[in-house]
C-alpha atoms as a PDB file:
ATOM      1  CA  MET A   1      94.387 114.728  46.519  1.00  0.00           C
ATOM      2  CA  SER A   2      96.228 115.837  43.365  1.00  0.00           C
ATOM      3  CA  ASN A   3      94.224 118.891  42.462  1.00  0.00           C
ATOM      4  CA  THR A   4      94.086 120.080  46.267  1.00  0.00           C
ATOM      5  CA  THR A   5      96.230 123.223  47.040  1.00  0.00           C
ATOM      6  CA  ILE A   6      98.283 122.262  50.011  1.00  0.00           C
ATOM      7  CA  ASP A   7      98.482 125.292  52.503  1.00  0.00           C
ATOM      8  CA  ARG A   8      99.174 126.019  56.242  1.00  0.00           C
ATOM      9  CA  ARG A   9      95.503 125.301  57.117  1.00  0.00           C
ATOM     10  CA  ASN A  10      95.646 121.852  55.536  1.00  0.00           C
ATOM     11  CA  TYR A  11      98.912 120.365  55.154  1.00  0.00           C
ATOM     12  CA  GLN A  12      98.659 118.525  58.149  1.00  0.00           C
ATOM     13  CA  ARG A  13      95.842 116.975  57.603  1.00  0.00           C
ATOM     14  CA  LEU A  14      96.777 115.782  54.438  1.00  0.00           C
ATOM     15  CA  GLY A  15      99.818 113.923  55.638  1.00  0.00           C
ATOM     16  CA  MET A  16     102.365 116.670  54.888  1.00  0.00           C
ATOM     17  CA  GLN A  17     104.693 118.643  56.746  1.00  0.00           C
ATOM     18  CA  ARG A  18     105.963 122.311  56.540  1.00  0.00           C
ATOM     19  CA  LEU A  19     109.944 122.357  55.329  1.00  0.00           C
ATOM     20  CA  PHE A  20     109.732 126.321  54.421  1.00  0.00           C
ATOM     21  CA  HIS A  21     107.507 129.078  53.880  1.00  0.00           C
ATOM     22  CA  GLY A  22     105.117 127.940  51.491  1.00  0.00           C
ATOM     23  CA  VAL A  23     106.874 124.482  50.789  1.00  0.00           C
ATOM     24  CA  TYR A  24     105.611 121.447  52.327  1.00  0.00           C
ATOM     25  CA  GLY A  25     106.593 117.526  51.857  1.00  0.00           C
ATOM     26  CA  PRO A  26     105.401 113.926  53.017  1.00  0.00           C
ATOM     27  CA  VAL A  27     106.275 113.088  56.375  1.00  0.00           C
ATOM     28  CA  THR A  28     108.377 110.609  56.131  1.00  0.00           C
ATOM     29  CA  GLY A  29     108.314 108.873  59.148  1.00  0.00           C
ATOM     30  CA  GLN A  30     108.374 109.353  63.316  1.00  0.00           C
ATOM     31  CA  THR A  31     109.771 106.436  64.824  1.00  0.00           C
ATOM     32  CA  GLY A  32     113.038 106.404  66.624  1.00  0.00           C
ATOM     33  CA  ASP A  33     114.106 108.667  69.566  1.00  0.00           C
ATOM     34  CA  VAL A  34     113.912 112.604  69.291  1.00  0.00           C
ATOM     35  CA  TRP A  35     117.308 112.984  67.572  1.00  0.00           C
ATOM     36  CA  GLN A  36     116.589 110.771  65.107  1.00  0.00           C
ATOM     37  CA  GLN A  37     113.301 112.036  64.082  1.00  0.00           C
ATOM     38  CA  ARG A  38     114.939 115.692  64.053  1.00  0.00           C
ATOM     39  CA  ARG A  39     117.690 114.442  61.708  1.00  0.00           C
ATOM     40  CA  ARG A  40     115.098 113.195  59.255  1.00  0.00           C
ATOM     41  CA  LEU A  41     113.317 116.277  58.988  1.00  0.00           C
ATOM     42  CA  TRP A  42     116.495 117.935  58.664  1.00  0.00           C
ATOM     43  CA  LEU A  43     117.444 115.917  55.476  1.00  0.00           C
ATOM     44  CA  ASP A  44     113.836 116.537  54.132  1.00  0.00           C
ATOM     45  CA  ARG A  45     114.401 120.058  54.279  1.00  0.00           C
ATOM     46  CA  LEU A  46     118.180 119.857  52.906  1.00  0.00           C
ATOM     47  CA  ARG A  47     116.472 118.013  49.708  1.00  0.00           C
ATOM     48  CA  ALA A  48     113.490 120.646  49.180  1.00  0.00           C
ATOM     49  CA  ALA A  49     116.689 123.274  49.570  1.00  0.00           C
ATOM     50  CA  LEU A  50     118.419 121.971  46.889  1.00  0.00           C
ATOM     51  CA  GLU A  51     115.134 121.356  44.837  1.00  0.00           C
ATOM     52  CA  LEU A  52     114.748 125.297  45.302  1.00  0.00           C
ATOM     53  CA  TYR A  53     118.067 126.108  43.810  1.00  0.00           C
ATOM     54  CA  SER A  54     118.175 123.119  41.550  1.00  0.00           C
ATOM     55  CA  ASP A  55     118.779 125.652  38.386  1.00  0.00           C
ATOM     56  CA  ARG A  56     121.934 127.023  39.962  1.00  0.00           C
ATOM     57  CA  ASP A  57     124.141 124.016  40.454  1.00  0.00           C
ATOM     58  CA  PRO A  58     124.009 123.898  44.499  1.00  0.00           C
ATOM     59  CA  VAL A  59     126.082 122.072  46.892  1.00  0.00           C
ATOM     60  CA  LEU A  60     125.947 121.410  50.657  1.00  0.00           C
ATOM     61  CA  TYR A  61     128.303 124.233  52.253  1.00  0.00           C
ATOM     62  CA  GLY A  62     129.794 124.457  55.455  1.00  0.00           C
ATOM     63  CA  ALA A  63     128.604 123.189  58.953  1.00  0.00           C
ATOM     64  CA  THR A  64     125.351 121.741  56.671  1.00  0.00           C
ATOM     65  CA  ALA A  65     127.611 119.754  54.681  1.00  0.00           C
ATOM     66  CA  LEU A  66     129.604 118.143  57.523  1.00  0.00           C
ATOM     67  CA  GLN A  67     126.300 117.059  59.536  1.00  0.00           C
ATOM     68  CA  ALA A  68     125.128 115.651  55.951  1.00  0.00           C
ATOM     69  CA  MET A  69     128.343 113.276  56.117  1.00  0.00           C
ATOM     70  CA  GLY A  70     127.766 112.367  59.824  1.00  0.00           C
ATOM     71  CA  VAL A  71     130.630 114.266  61.317  1.00  0.00           C
ATOM     72  CA  ALA A  72     129.582 115.155  64.870  1.00  0.00           C
ATOM     73  CA  LEU A  73     130.197 119.188  65.612  1.00  0.00           C
ATOM     74  CA  PRO A  74     130.421 121.055  68.699  1.00  0.00           C
ATOM     75  CA  GLN A  75     127.119 122.329  69.926  1.00  0.00           C
ATOM     76  CA  THR A  76     128.372 125.800  69.765  1.00  0.00           C
ATOM     77  CA  VAL A  77     129.077 124.950  65.679  1.00  0.00           C
ATOM     78  CA  GLU A  78     125.765 122.672  64.877  1.00  0.00           C
ATOM     79  CA  GLN A  79     123.033 124.494  62.919  1.00  0.00           C
ATOM     80  CA  TRP A  80     120.135 122.380  62.404  1.00  0.00           C
ATOM     81  CA  ASP A  81     117.645 125.644  61.842  1.00  0.00           C
ATOM     82  CA  VAL A  82     119.543 127.166  58.891  1.00  0.00           C
ATOM     83  CA  ILE A  83     120.847 125.531  55.922  1.00  0.00           C
ATOM     84  CA  HIS A  84     123.924 126.640  53.905  1.00  0.00           C
ATOM     85  CA  LEU A  85     124.271 126.162  50.299  1.00  0.00           C
ATOM     86  CA  LEU A  86     126.940 126.717  47.646  1.00  0.00           C
ATOM     87  CA  ILE A  87     126.326 128.013  44.335  1.00  0.00           C
ATOM     88  CA  GLU A  88     128.382 129.570  41.394  1.00  0.00           C
ATOM     89  CA  GLN A  89     129.624 132.571  41.851  1.00  0.00           C
ATOM     90  CA  ASP A  90     127.543 135.600  40.391  1.00  0.00           C
ATOM     91  CA  ALA A  91     124.145 133.611  40.208  1.00  0.00           C
ATOM     92  CA  GLU A  92     121.460 134.863  41.695  1.00  0.00           C
ATOM     93  CA  ARG A  93     120.690 134.313  45.231  1.00  0.00           C
ATOM     94  CA  PRO A  94     117.059 134.790  46.233  1.00  0.00           C
ATOM     95  CA  ARG A  95     116.193 134.844  49.865  1.00  0.00           C
ATOM     96  CA  ARG A  96     114.292 132.295  51.850  1.00  0.00           C
ATOM     97  CA  ALA A  97     113.884 132.153  55.461  1.00  0.00           C
ATOM     98  CA  GLY A  98     115.938 129.175  56.739  1.00  0.00           C
ATOM     99  CA  ILE A  99     118.334 129.062  53.481  1.00  0.00           C
ATOM    100  CA  LEU A 100     121.726 130.926  53.779  1.00  0.00           C
ATOM    101  CA  VAL A 101     123.218 130.897  50.102  1.00  0.00           C
ATOM    102  CA  HIS A 102     126.872 131.575  49.613  1.00  0.00           C
ATOM    103  CA  SER A 103     128.635 131.742  46.510  1.00  0.00           C
ATOM    104  CA  GLY A 104     131.826 130.350  45.220  1.00  0.00           C
ATOM    105  CA  ARG A 105     134.416 130.373  42.064  1.00  0.00           C
ATOM    106  CA  ARG A 106     133.446 128.463  39.181  1.00  0.00           C
ATOM    107  CA  GLY A 107     134.983 125.040  38.470  1.00  0.00           C
ATOM    108  CA  ARG A 108     134.382 123.613  41.964  1.00  0.00           C
ATOM    109  CA  ARG A 109     134.074 119.809  42.152  1.00  0.00           C
ATOM    110  CA  VAL A 110     131.795 117.943  43.856  1.00  0.00           C
ATOM    111  CA  TRP A 111     133.672 115.303  46.115  1.00  0.00           C
ATOM    112  CA  GLY A 112     131.187 112.955  46.905  1.00  0.00           C
ATOM    113  CA  ARG A 113     127.200 112.315  47.269  1.00  0.00           C
ATOM    114  CA  PHE A 114     125.616 111.245  50.621  1.00  0.00           C
ATOM    115  CA  GLY A 115     122.505 109.463  49.297  1.00  0.00           C
ATOM    116  CA  ASP A 116     121.629 112.285  47.106  1.00  0.00           C
ATOM    117  CA  LEU A 117     123.168 115.042  48.642  1.00  0.00           C
ATOM    118  CA  PRO A 118     126.306 116.808  47.061  1.00  0.00           C
ATOM    119  CA  VAL A 119     129.108 118.148  49.354  1.00  0.00           C
ATOM    120  CA  LEU A 120     132.794 119.210  48.319  1.00  0.00           C
ATOM    121  CA  HIS A 121     135.663 117.719  50.055  1.00  0.00           C
ATOM    122  CA  PRO A 122     135.420 117.362  53.989  1.00  0.00           C
ATOM    123  CA  VAL A 123     138.291 119.794  54.046  1.00  0.00           C
ATOM    124  CA  ASP A 124     136.721 122.427  52.251  1.00  0.00           C
ATOM    125  CA  HIS A 125     134.155 122.588  54.452  1.00  0.00           C
ATOM    126  CA  TRP A 126     136.092 122.367  57.931  1.00  0.00           C
ATOM    127  CA  LEU A 127     138.317 125.360  56.673  1.00  0.00           C
ATOM    128  CA  GLN A 128     134.783 127.188  56.937  1.00  0.00           C
ATOM    129  CA  LEU A 129     134.750 126.467  60.753  1.00  0.00           C
ATOM    130  CA  ALA A 130     137.758 128.301  61.475  1.00  0.00           C
ATOM    131  CA  PRO A 131     136.149 131.354  63.364  1.00  0.00           C
ATOM    132  CA  CYS A 132     135.290 128.855  65.754  1.00  0.00           C
ATOM    133  CA  GLY A 133     138.553 128.362  66.815  1.00  0.00           C
ATOM    134  CA  GLU A 134     141.251 125.479  67.036  1.00  0.00           C
ATOM    135  CA  ASP A 135     139.815 123.355  69.359  1.00  0.00           C
ATOM    136  CA  ASP A 136     136.521 123.119  67.831  1.00  0.00           C
ATOM    137  CA  MET A 137     138.663 122.227  64.497  1.00  0.00           C
ATOM    138  CA  VAL A 138     140.118 119.623  66.220  1.00  0.00           C
ATOM    139  CA  GLN A 139     137.212 118.069  67.517  1.00  0.00           C
ATOM    140  CA  VAL A 140     135.766 118.007  64.204  1.00  0.00           C
ATOM    141  CA  GLY A 141     138.795 116.697  62.611  1.00  0.00           C
ATOM    142  CA  ASP A 142     138.697 114.137  65.066  1.00  0.00           C
ATOM    143  CA  GLY A 143     135.273 112.973  63.386  1.00  0.00           C
ATOM    144  CA  PHE A 144     136.875 112.674  59.906  1.00  0.00           C
ATOM    145  CA  VAL A 145     139.524 109.797  61.080  1.00  0.00           C
ATOM    146  CA  ARG A 146     137.134 108.354  63.647  1.00  0.00           C
ATOM    147  CA  ARG A 147     137.239 104.489  64.498  1.00  0.00           C
ATOM    148  CA  GLN A 148     134.434 103.515  62.845  1.00  0.00           C
ATOM    149  CA  GLU A 149     133.420 104.428  59.142  1.00  0.00           C
ATOM    150  CA  PRO A 150     136.543 107.198  59.106  1.00  0.00           C
ATOM    151  CA  LEU A 151     136.003 109.693  55.737  1.00  0.00           C
ATOM    152  CA  MET A 152     139.920 109.779  55.383  1.00  0.00           C
ATOM    153  CA  THR A 153     143.094 109.495  57.001  1.00  0.00           C
ATOM    154  CA  ILE A 154     145.425 112.208  58.154  1.00  0.00           C
ATOM    155  CA  GLY A 155     147.417 112.370  55.146  1.00  0.00           C
ATOM    156  CA  GLU A 156     144.522 112.721  52.793  1.00  0.00           C
ATOM    157  CA  MET A 157     143.525 115.650  55.132  1.00  0.00           C
ATOM    158  CA  SER A 158     147.247 117.110  54.775  1.00  0.00           C
ATOM    159  CA  SER A 159     147.357 116.324  51.018  1.00  0.00           C
ATOM    160  CA  ARG A 160     143.918 118.571  50.894  1.00  0.00           C
ATOM    161  CA  LEU A 161     145.130 121.215  52.923  1.00  0.00           C
ATOM    162  CA  GLN A 162     148.255 121.616  50.773  1.00  0.00           C
ATOM    163  CA  VAL A 163     145.665 122.264  47.701  1.00  0.00           C
ATOM    164  CA  LEU A 164     144.243 124.824  49.667  1.00  0.00           C
ATOM    165  CA  THR A 165     147.412 126.786  50.596  1.00  0.00           C
ATOM    166  CA  GLY A 166     146.493 130.624  50.983  1.00  0.00           C
ATOM    167  CA  GLN A 167     142.824 129.937  51.422  1.00  0.00           C
ATOM    168  CA  ASP A 168     141.289 131.655  54.334  1.00  0.00           C
ATOM    169  CA  GLY A 169     141.439 129.466  57.776  1.00  0.00           C
ATOM    170  CA  CYS A 170     144.009 127.038  56.201  1.00  0.00           C
ATOM    171  CA  LYS A 171     147.101 128.026  58.551  1.00  0.00           C
ATOM    172  CA  LEU A 172     144.966 127.274  61.710  1.00  0.00           C
ATOM    173  CA  ALA A 173     143.645 123.872  60.027  1.00  0.00           C
ATOM    174  CA  ARG A 174     147.292 123.325  59.794  1.00  0.00           C
ATOM    175  CA  ARG A 175     147.553 123.808  63.445  1.00  0.00           C
ATOM    176  CA  ALA A 176     144.519 121.955  64.261  1.00  0.00           C
ATOM    177  CA  LEU A 177     145.627 118.884  61.818  1.00  0.00           C
ATOM    178  CA  LYS A 178     148.857 118.237  64.405  1.00  0.00           C
ATOM    179  CA  ARG A 179     146.545 117.934  67.393  1.00  0.00           C
ATOM    180  CA  VAL A 180     144.048 115.689  65.403  1.00  0.00           C
ATOM    181  CA  ARG A 181     144.162 111.488  66.574  1.00  0.00           C
ATOM    182  CA  PRO A 182     142.230 109.128  64.554  1.00  0.00           C
ATOM    183  CA  GLY A 183     140.545 106.462  66.170  1.00  0.00           C
ATOM    184  CA  THR A 184     137.785 108.280  68.482  1.00  0.00           C
ATOM    185  CA  ASP A 185     134.322 107.158  68.790  1.00  0.00           C
ATOM    186  CA  SER A 186     132.853 110.428  69.593  1.00  0.00           C
ATOM    187  CA  ILE A 187     133.153 114.376  70.029  1.00  0.00           C
ATOM    188  CA  TYR A 188     133.077 113.774  73.344  1.00  0.00           C
ATOM    189  CA  GLU A 189     136.006 111.604  74.019  1.00  0.00           C
ATOM    190  CA  SER A 190     137.854 114.235  71.673  1.00  0.00           C
ATOM    191  CA  LYS A 191     136.822 117.359  74.000  1.00  0.00           C
ATOM    192  CA  THR A 192     138.071 115.361  77.001  1.00  0.00           C
ATOM    193  CA  ARG A 193     141.190 114.570  75.537  1.00  0.00           C
ATOM    194  CA  LEU A 194     141.687 118.468  74.769  1.00  0.00           C
ATOM    195  CA  VAL A 195     140.141 119.342  78.493  1.00  0.00           C
ATOM    196  CA  LEU A 196     143.565 117.285  79.597  1.00  0.00           C
ATOM    197  CA  ILE A 197     145.774 118.455  76.735  1.00  0.00           C
ATOM    198  CA  ASN A 198     145.056 122.198  77.641  1.00  0.00           C
ATOM    199  CA  ALA A 199     145.568 121.563  81.237  1.00  0.00           C
ATOM    200  CA  HIS A 200     149.294 120.639  80.474  1.00  0.00           C
ATOM    201  CA  LEU A 201     148.835 116.964  81.451  1.00  0.00           C
ATOM    202  CA  PRO A 202     150.227 114.325  79.069  1.00  0.00           C
ATOM    203  CA  GLU A 203     148.303 113.752  76.237  1.00  0.00           C
ATOM    204  CA  PRO A 204     146.170 110.017  76.850  1.00  0.00           C
ATOM    205  CA  ALA A 205     146.482 107.447  73.970  1.00  0.00           C
ATOM    206  CA  VAL A 206     143.115 107.168  71.957  1.00  0.00           C
ATOM    207  CA  ASN A 207     141.172 103.634  72.303  1.00  0.00           C
ATOM    208  CA  PRO A 208     144.179 101.656  73.170  1.00  0.00           C
ATOM    209  CA  PRO A 209     143.650  98.163  73.670  1.00  0.00           C
ATOM    210  CA  VAL A 210     143.677  96.461  77.094  1.00  0.00           C
ATOM    211  CA  TRP A 211     144.008  92.752  77.587  1.00  0.00           C
ATOM    212  CA  CYS A 212     142.752  91.444  80.353  1.00  0.00           C
ATOM    213  CA  VAL A 213     144.684  88.016  81.308  1.00  0.00           C
ATOM    214  CA  ALA A 214     142.277  86.747  83.858  1.00  0.00           C
ATOM    215  CA  VAL A 215     139.266  86.614  81.460  1.00  0.00           C
ATOM    216  CA  ASP A 216     141.224  86.390  78.360  1.00  0.00           C
ATOM    217  CA  ALA A 217     139.390  89.507  76.755  1.00  0.00           C
ATOM    218  CA  THR A 218     140.573  92.723  74.846  1.00  0.00           C
ATOM    219  CA  TYR A 219     138.822  95.895  75.952  1.00  0.00           C
ATOM    220  CA  TYR A 220     139.187  99.309  74.259  1.00  0.00           C
ATOM    221  CA  VAL A 221     139.503 102.218  76.747  1.00  0.00           C
ATOM    222  CA  ASP A 222     138.105 105.947  75.598  1.00  0.00           C
ATOM    223  CA  MET A 223     141.579 107.493  76.476  1.00  0.00           C
ATOM    224  CA  GLY A 224     144.666 105.475  78.356  1.00  0.00           C
ATOM    225  CA  TYR A 225     148.054 106.236  79.944  1.00  0.00           C
ATOM    226  CA  LEU A 226     149.472 103.029  79.444  1.00  0.00           C
ATOM    227  CA  ALA A 227     152.294 103.262  81.571  1.00  0.00           C
ATOM    228  CA  GLU A 228     150.335 104.182  84.599  1.00  0.00           C
ATOM    229  CA  LYS A 229     147.428 102.038  83.741  1.00  0.00           C
ATOM    230  CA  VAL A 230     144.883 105.318  83.992  1.00  0.00           C
ATOM    231  CA  ALA A 231     141.797 105.027  82.049  1.00  0.00           C
ATOM    232  CA  VAL A 232     139.636 108.095  81.019  1.00  0.00           C
ATOM    233  CA  GLU A 233     136.184 107.090  79.747  1.00  0.00           C
ATOM    234  CA  TYR A 234     133.255 109.395  78.971  1.00  0.00           C
ATOM    235  CA  ASP A 235     129.743 107.817  80.591  1.00  0.00           C
ATOM    236  CA  GLY A 236     126.976 109.307  78.347  1.00  0.00           C
ATOM    237  CA  GLN A 237     124.392 107.545  80.049  1.00  0.00           C
ATOM    238  CA  VAL A 238     123.315 105.788  77.102  1.00  0.00           C
ATOM    239  CA  HIS A 239     122.392 102.271  78.444  1.00  0.00           C
ATOM    240  CA  VAL A 240     120.709 103.540  81.187  1.00  0.00           C
ATOM    241  CA  GLY A 241     117.761 101.174  81.689  1.00  0.00           C
ATOM    242  CA  ASP A 242     119.393  98.383  79.782  1.00  0.00           C
ATOM    243  CA  ARG A 243     120.031  95.631  82.429  1.00  0.00           C
ATOM    244  CA  MET A 244     121.995  93.610  80.502  1.00  0.00           C
ATOM    245  CA  GLN A 245     124.201  96.264  78.934  1.00  0.00           C
ATOM    246  CA  MET A 246     124.782  97.424  82.499  1.00  0.00           C
ATOM    247  CA  GLU A 247     125.746  94.008  83.599  1.00  0.00           C
ATOM    248  CA  MET A 248     128.180  93.781  80.715  1.00  0.00           C
ATOM    249  CA  ASP A 249     129.790  97.531  81.559  1.00  0.00           C
ATOM    250  CA  ALA A 250     130.061  96.270  85.272  1.00  0.00           C
ATOM    251  CA  ASP A 251     131.732  93.228  84.403  1.00  0.00           C
ATOM    252  CA  ARG A 252     134.218  95.070  82.157  1.00  0.00           C
ATOM    253  CA  ARG A 253     134.890  97.616  84.474  1.00  0.00           C
ATOM    254  CA  ARG A 254     135.771  95.165  87.146  1.00  0.00           C
ATOM    255  CA  ASN A 255     138.092  93.170  84.567  1.00  0.00           C
ATOM    256  CA  LEU A 256     140.001  96.556  84.208  1.00  0.00           C
ATOM    257  CA  GLN A 257     140.472  97.102  87.747  1.00  0.00           C
ATOM    258  CA  ASP A 258     141.357  93.808  88.537  1.00  0.00           C
ATOM    259  CA  GLU A 259     144.071  93.934  85.945  1.00  0.00           C
ATOM    260  CA  GLY A 260     145.444  97.024  87.542  1.00  0.00           C
ATOM    261  CA  TRP A 261     143.660 100.064  85.725  1.00  0.00           C
ATOM    262  CA  MET A 262     141.893 103.338  87.770  1.00  0.00           C
ATOM    263  CA  ILE A 263     139.102 104.118  85.832  1.00  0.00           C
ATOM    264  CA  ILE A 264     137.993 107.913  85.897  1.00  0.00           C
ATOM    265  CA  SER A 265     134.676 108.387  84.601  1.00  0.00           C
ATOM    266  CA  VAL A 266     133.649 111.819  82.551  1.00  0.00           C
ATOM    267  CA  THR A 267     129.911 113.134  82.248  1.00  0.00           C
ATOM    268  CA  ALA A 268     128.746 115.972  80.554  1.00  0.00           C
ATOM    269  CA  SER A 269     128.500 118.000  83.803  1.00  0.00           C
ATOM    270  CA  ARG A 270     132.142 117.651  84.730  1.00  0.00           C
ATOM    271  CA  LEU A 271     133.333 118.514  80.928  1.00  0.00           C
ATOM    272  CA  ARG A 272     131.360 121.971  81.575  1.00  0.00           C
ATOM    273  CA  SER A 273     133.170 122.340  84.634  1.00  0.00           C
ATOM    274  CA  PRO A 274     136.148 120.350  84.197  1.00  0.00           C
ATOM    275  CA  GLY A 275     138.408 121.418  87.079  1.00  0.00           C
ATOM    276  CA  GLY A 276     137.670 118.577  89.352  1.00  0.00           C
ATOM    277  CA  LEU A 277     138.097 115.880  86.410  1.00  0.00           C
ATOM    278  CA  ILE A 278     141.871 117.888  85.834  1.00  0.00           C
ATOM    279  CA  ARG A 279     142.607 117.057  89.372  1.00  0.00           C
ATOM    280  CA  SER A 280     141.342 113.692  89.417  1.00  0.00           C
ATOM    281  CA  VAL A 281     143.654 112.604  86.325  1.00  0.00           C
ATOM    282  CA  GLU A 282     146.700 114.675  87.885  1.00  0.00           C
ATOM    283  CA  ASN A 283     146.049 112.818  91.128  1.00  0.00           C
ATOM    284  CA  ALA A 284     146.207 109.431  89.341  1.00  0.00           C
ATOM    285  CA  LEU A 285     148.955 110.221  87.678  1.00  0.00           C
ATOM    286  CA  ILE A 286     151.020 111.554  90.412  1.00  0.00           C
ATOM    287  CA  LEU A 287     150.443 108.389  92.227  1.00  0.00           C
ATOM    288  CA  ARG A 288     151.303 106.261  89.382  1.00  0.00           C
ATOM    289  CA  SER A 289     153.966 107.840  87.497  1.00  0.00           C
ATOM    290  CA  SER A 290     157.432 109.503  88.185  1.00  0.00           C
ATOM    291  CA  PRO A 291     157.380 112.947  88.588  1.00  0.00           C
ATOM    292  CA  ASP A 292     159.578 113.872  85.784  1.00  0.00           C
ATOM    293  CA  ARG A 293     156.726 112.465  83.477  1.00  0.00           C
ATOM    294  CA  LEU A 294     154.524 115.013  84.735  1.00  0.00           C
ATOM    295  CA  ARG A 295     157.419 117.849  84.704  1.00  0.00           C
ATOM    296  CA  ARG A 296     157.922 117.223  80.878  1.00  0.00           C
ATOM    297  CA  SER A 297     154.355 117.569  80.017  1.00  0.00           C
ATOM    298  CA  ALA A 298     153.827 120.616  82.126  1.00  0.00           C
ATOM    299  CA  HIS A 299     156.705 122.568  79.862  1.00  0.00           C
ATOM    300  CA  ARG A 300     155.763 121.573  76.601  1.00  0.00           C
END
């Protein structure tokens, strides 16, 4: 097999996969769900792209770098078909379909490696998303300071922005950082929070702990208005079909309701047309809070 030329006619028979035009590599496994399979193929393509430009000292760039770090991006920002690389300024940039090569000033520092994938500081890549708008930057910034395995702290993000003062996107990033909140578990939670804030409703607390006295258990609600005991939770339907998990979720919901919490569920379709969600949360807060609280929020 070592003497066999691999091409478009025989690569599948030889247990290979097509990574780029004329570039093939071994199949790394097809277990897991569709998303996991897509990510494995994408990581194989990343490594192949880095190898193709290895003589130009490449690093991952922009959305590509953030996805490699495991940061969730809004669907409008995700890029699985195009790989962005950064090479030294003035280096030759031969074109290849599926790879977009950027050039930057010399002296850049590799911030870290995710596996064998080199990236710059996350905030450097964050700035590249500025054309997408402030809300998208907030959602991505939340992913930097997420509850599980955060990449950094708010303070570290601020310090890096100070170093990058004057670069494109820095002013917008500073505004976005004021709205970034640590402790989120998903980008959908972040999007839901922004929908509520942009509708001039009070900002909910992110993943606050709720102790249920009757069962002596503490639960974390996605977003909560503590004084009013109103919870807003994103329902991604990830446990549909898992009977044990569904029963645990039902027990959790009942225990929270027994403790006096009103729970408002959010789905992907409600986020696409959020008018009903906004009315539900507003009505719940009107029922459970003083008019002054909503009036103060509306005039922020």
